[in-house]
Protein backbone atom coordinates (compact mmCIF):
# COMPACT_ATOMS: atom_id res chain seq x y z
CA MET A 1 -46.73 -1.03 75.37
CA THR A 2 -47.89 -1.81 78.90
CA SER A 3 -48.18 -5.53 78.16
CA ARG A 4 -44.58 -5.59 76.92
CA TRP A 5 -43.35 -4.04 80.17
CA ALA A 6 -45.49 -6.46 82.18
CA SER A 7 -44.15 -9.46 80.29
CA LEU A 8 -40.56 -8.18 80.60
CA ARG A 9 -41.07 -7.68 84.33
CA ALA A 10 -42.55 -11.18 84.71
CA GLY A 11 -39.68 -12.68 82.73
CA LEU A 12 -37.03 -10.92 84.80
CA GLU A 13 -38.77 -11.86 88.03
CA GLU A 14 -38.84 -15.51 86.95
CA PHE A 15 -35.18 -15.33 85.90
CA TYR A 16 -33.95 -13.87 89.19
CA ALA A 17 -36.37 -15.33 91.76
CA GLY A 18 -37.22 -18.65 90.08
CA PRO A 19 -34.18 -20.62 91.25
CA TYR A 20 -34.70 -19.44 94.83
CA ARG A 21 -38.43 -20.10 95.08
CA ARG A 22 -37.98 -23.19 97.29
CA THR A 23 -35.54 -21.33 99.55
CA PHE A 24 -37.96 -18.42 99.91
CA ALA A 25 -40.80 -20.83 100.76
CA ARG A 26 -38.70 -22.58 103.41
CA ALA A 27 -37.65 -19.26 104.97
CA ARG A 28 -41.26 -18.10 105.07
CA ARG A 29 -42.36 -21.37 106.69
CA GLU A 30 -39.62 -21.04 109.33
CA GLU A 31 -40.68 -17.45 110.08
CA ASP A 32 -44.31 -18.57 110.37
CA ASP A 33 -43.28 -21.37 112.75
CA LEU A 34 -41.36 -18.94 114.93
CA PHE A 35 -44.30 -16.53 114.98
CA ARG A 36 -46.65 -19.38 115.91
CA MET A 37 -44.31 -20.44 118.72
CA VAL A 38 -44.16 -16.88 120.09
CA VAL A 39 -47.94 -16.52 120.02
CA LEU A 40 -48.58 -19.94 121.58
CA ALA A 41 -45.75 -19.75 124.12
CA GLU A 42 -48.02 -19.05 127.09
CA ALA A 43 -50.34 -21.93 126.16
CA LEU A 44 -47.33 -24.24 125.82
CA GLY A 45 -46.13 -23.38 129.33
CA VAL A 46 -43.38 -20.91 128.49
CA PRO A 47 -43.68 -17.59 130.39
CA ASP A 48 -44.45 -14.86 127.92
CA PRO A 49 -44.51 -11.19 128.98
CA ALA A 50 -46.43 -10.26 125.81
CA ALA A 51 -49.18 -12.89 126.29
CA TYR A 52 -51.80 -10.19 126.80
CA TYR A 53 -51.06 -8.74 123.35
CA THR A 54 -50.72 -12.04 121.50
CA ALA A 55 -53.87 -13.65 122.96
CA GLU A 56 -56.06 -12.13 120.28
CA LEU A 57 -53.93 -13.74 117.55
CA VAL A 58 -54.46 -17.30 118.80
CA PRO A 59 -57.76 -17.94 116.92
CA ALA A 60 -56.04 -17.03 113.65
CA LEU A 61 -53.45 -19.78 114.23
CA TYR A 62 -55.89 -22.63 114.89
CA GLU A 63 -56.46 -23.24 111.18
CA ASP A 64 -52.95 -24.58 110.53
CA PHE A 65 -52.23 -25.82 114.05
CA HIS A 66 -52.42 -29.52 113.15
CA THR A 67 -49.85 -29.32 110.34
CA TRP A 68 -47.62 -27.17 112.53
CA HIS A 69 -47.42 -29.56 115.47
CA LEU A 70 -46.85 -32.51 113.15
CA ARG A 71 -44.03 -30.61 111.39
CA MET A 72 -42.50 -29.82 114.79
CA GLY A 73 -42.41 -33.54 115.62
CA MET A 74 -45.28 -33.66 118.10
CA ASP A 75 -47.59 -36.63 117.54
CA ARG A 76 -50.43 -35.18 119.61
CA SER A 77 -51.57 -31.63 120.19
CA PRO A 78 -49.51 -30.05 123.01
CA LEU A 79 -52.49 -27.94 124.06
CA GLU A 80 -55.19 -29.62 126.09
CA HIS A 81 -57.91 -27.24 124.85
CA VAL A 82 -57.07 -27.85 121.16
CA GLY A 83 -58.04 -31.36 120.14
CA CYS A 84 -57.09 -31.60 116.50
CA CYS A 85 -55.88 -35.21 116.39
């Protein structure tokens, strides 16, 4: 009985969310880009009153930094202490 409910749930989720999967992925990527910009604002030269609180999040963003700055249209890394290119 549980497997029937699970398969029904999976089918309904695919029916309702399937056509919007690309839209959801784009919205998530845009939110991630905005979050990355807020966290890296002080390093990019934009005054940030919350820099003290976001400084500890910077190491978590280094992993995808290269793809982010290429997606934003920057050929080289805008940060002098991050040499990813």
